[in-house]
Amino acid sequence: MPLYKQKSTVGMIDYNENSSAQQWLVQKHQSPETIWYADLLGNARSEMWRLAKSDWTMFLTMRADELRSGGFLRASALYLYL
């Protein structure tokens, strides 16, 4: 099941831990020069950030819907150090 889709009934989860694959975007960037996001420049980099923001928002929305009131989400992900 895709990471960004709902995985549980709404309000059923007390504790959700996500520690892998948040770094993968739903859609791959389209740069022929590199496979690494950190190497993207200019418009390609801006587009990657737009896609990442959209995906992260969708991921958090799906996980929030699954949590019970007072539940916890623990998420760790790779990040780009600037």
C-alpha atoms as a PDB file:
ATOM      1  CA  MET A   1       0.000   0.000   0.000  1.00  0.00           C
ATOM      2  CA  PRO A   2       1.450   3.398  -0.904  1.00  0.00           C
ATOM      3  CA  LEU A   3       2.954   5.366   1.966  1.00  0.00           C
ATOM      4  CA  TYR A   4       0.795   8.408   1.300  1.00  0.00           C
ATOM      5  CA  LYS A   5      -2.598   6.688   1.332  1.00  0.00           C
ATOM      6  CA  GLN A   6      -4.745   6.063   4.398  1.00  0.00           C
ATOM      7  CA  LYS A   7      -3.703   2.817   6.076  1.00  0.00           C
ATOM      8  CA  SER A   8      -6.185   2.523   8.921  1.00  0.00           C
ATOM      9  CA  THR A   9      -9.733   3.388   9.887  1.00  0.00           C
ATOM     10  CA  VAL A  10     -10.133   7.021  10.938  1.00  0.00           C
ATOM     11  CA  GLY A  11      -9.424   7.505  14.668  1.00  0.00           C
ATOM     12  CA  MET A  12      -8.146   3.970  15.348  1.00  0.00           C
ATOM     13  CA  ILE A  13      -4.431   4.508  16.084  1.00  0.00           C
ATOM     14  CA  ASP A  14      -2.979   5.458  19.495  1.00  0.00           C
ATOM     15  CA  TYR A  15       0.671   5.508  18.404  1.00  0.00           C
ATOM     16  CA  ASN A  16       2.070   5.551  14.868  1.00  0.00           C
ATOM     17  CA  GLU A  17       5.777   5.326  14.135  1.00  0.00           C
ATOM     18  CA  ASN A  18       7.090   6.049  10.643  1.00  0.00           C
ATOM     19  CA  SER A  19      10.825   5.808  10.273  1.00  0.00           C
ATOM     20  CA  SER A  20      11.434   4.895   6.667  1.00  0.00           C
ATOM     21  CA  ALA A  21      10.534   5.957   3.157  1.00  0.00           C
ATOM     22  CA  GLN A  22       9.255   9.470   3.915  1.00  0.00           C
ATOM     23  CA  GLN A  23      12.079  10.665   1.679  1.00  0.00           C
ATOM     24  CA  TRP A  24      10.485   9.066  -1.405  1.00  0.00           C
ATOM     25  CA  LEU A  25       8.239  11.347  -3.401  1.00  0.00           C
ATOM     26  CA  VAL A  26       5.051  10.089  -5.012  1.00  0.00           C
ATOM     27  CA  GLN A  27       6.351  11.400  -8.330  1.00  0.00           C
ATOM     28  CA  LYS A  28      10.019  11.297  -9.345  1.00  0.00           C
ATOM     29  CA  HIS A  29      11.769  14.447 -10.434  1.00  0.00           C
ATOM     30  CA  GLN A  30      12.443  14.694 -14.163  1.00  0.00           C
ATOM     31  CA  SER A  31      16.105  15.742 -14.306  1.00  0.00           C
ATOM     32  CA  PRO A  32      18.293  13.681 -16.671  1.00  0.00           C
ATOM     33  CA  GLU A  33      21.475  15.029 -15.026  1.00  0.00           C
ATOM     34  CA  THR A  34      21.108  13.299 -11.654  1.00  0.00           C
ATOM     35  CA  ILE A  35      19.065  10.896  -9.568  1.00  0.00           C
ATOM     36  CA  TRP A  36      19.875  12.768  -6.317  1.00  0.00           C
ATOM     37  CA  TYR A  37      17.528  15.497  -5.124  1.00  0.00           C
ATOM     38  CA  ALA A  38      20.385  17.373  -3.454  1.00  0.00           C
ATOM     39  CA  ASP A  39      22.122  17.799  -6.837  1.00  0.00           C
ATOM     40  CA  LEU A  40      19.164  19.512  -8.501  1.00  0.00           C
ATOM     41  CA  LEU A  41      19.568  23.161  -9.485  1.00  0.00           C
ATOM     42  CA  GLY A  42      17.318  26.030 -10.544  1.00  0.00           C
ATOM     43  CA  ASN A  43      13.810  25.161 -11.709  1.00  0.00           C
ATOM     44  CA  ALA A  44      14.347  21.437 -11.164  1.00  0.00           C
ATOM     45  CA  ARG A  45      15.189  22.081  -7.500  1.00  0.00           C
ATOM     46  CA  SER A  46      12.174  24.395  -7.064  1.00  0.00           C
ATOM     47  CA  GLU A  47       9.895  21.752  -8.579  1.00  0.00           C
ATOM     48  CA  MET A  48      11.334  19.078  -6.264  1.00  0.00           C
ATOM     49  CA  TRP A  49      10.587  21.263  -3.219  1.00  0.00           C
ATOM     50  CA  ARG A  50       7.025  21.856  -4.480  1.00  0.00           C
ATOM     51  CA  LEU A  51       6.465  18.110  -4.894  1.00  0.00           C
ATOM     52  CA  ALA A  52       8.042  17.334  -1.512  1.00  0.00           C
ATOM     53  CA  LYS A  53       5.855  19.897   0.272  1.00  0.00           C
ATOM     54  CA  SER A  54       2.720  18.489  -1.346  1.00  0.00           C
ATOM     55  CA  ASP A  55       3.683  14.894  -0.496  1.00  0.00           C
ATOM     56  CA  TRP A  56       4.650  15.714   3.109  1.00  0.00           C
ATOM     57  CA  THR A  57       1.334  17.541   3.625  1.00  0.00           C
ATOM     58  CA  MET A  58      -0.577  14.550   2.235  1.00  0.00           C
ATOM     59  CA  PHE A  59       1.422  12.122   4.409  1.00  0.00           C
ATOM     60  CA  LEU A  60       0.779  14.124   7.595  1.00  0.00           C
ATOM     61  CA  THR A  61      -2.913  14.571   6.771  1.00  0.00           C
ATOM     62  CA  MET A  62      -3.407  10.811   6.282  1.00  0.00           C
ATOM     63  CA  ARG A  63      -1.552   9.956   9.503  1.00  0.00           C
ATOM     64  CA  ALA A  64      -3.453  12.632  11.485  1.00  0.00           C
ATOM     65  CA  ASP A  65      -6.795  11.230  10.326  1.00  0.00           C
ATOM     66  CA  GLU A  66      -5.794   7.758  11.537  1.00  0.00           C
ATOM     67  CA  LEU A  67      -4.823   8.909  15.045  1.00  0.00           C
ATOM     68  CA  ARG A  68      -7.261   8.854  17.930  1.00  0.00           C
ATOM     69  CA  SER A  69      -7.717  12.079  19.860  1.00  0.00           C
ATOM     70  CA  GLY A  70      -4.581  12.390  22.005  1.00  0.00           C
ATOM     71  CA  GLY A  71      -2.663   9.896  19.834  1.00  0.00           C
ATOM     72  CA  PHE A  72       0.995  10.306  18.849  1.00  0.00           C
ATOM     73  CA  LEU A  73       2.848  10.263  15.547  1.00  0.00           C
ATOM     74  CA  ARG A  74       6.598   9.744  15.539  1.00  0.00           C
ATOM     75  CA  ALA A  75       8.128  10.365  12.117  1.00  0.00           C
ATOM     76  CA  SER A  76      11.768  10.552  11.130  1.00  0.00           C
ATOM     77  CA  ALA A  77      13.032  11.283   7.648  1.00  0.00           C
ATOM     78  CA  LEU A  78      16.116  12.164   5.682  1.00  0.00           C
ATOM     79  CA  TYR A  79      16.648  15.848   5.200  1.00  0.00           C
ATOM     80  CA  LEU A  80      18.807  18.145   3.159  1.00  0.00           C
ATOM     81  CA  TYR A  81      21.312  20.090   5.201  1.00  0.00           C
ATOM     82  CA  LEU A  82      21.881  23.501   3.631  1.00  0.00           C
END
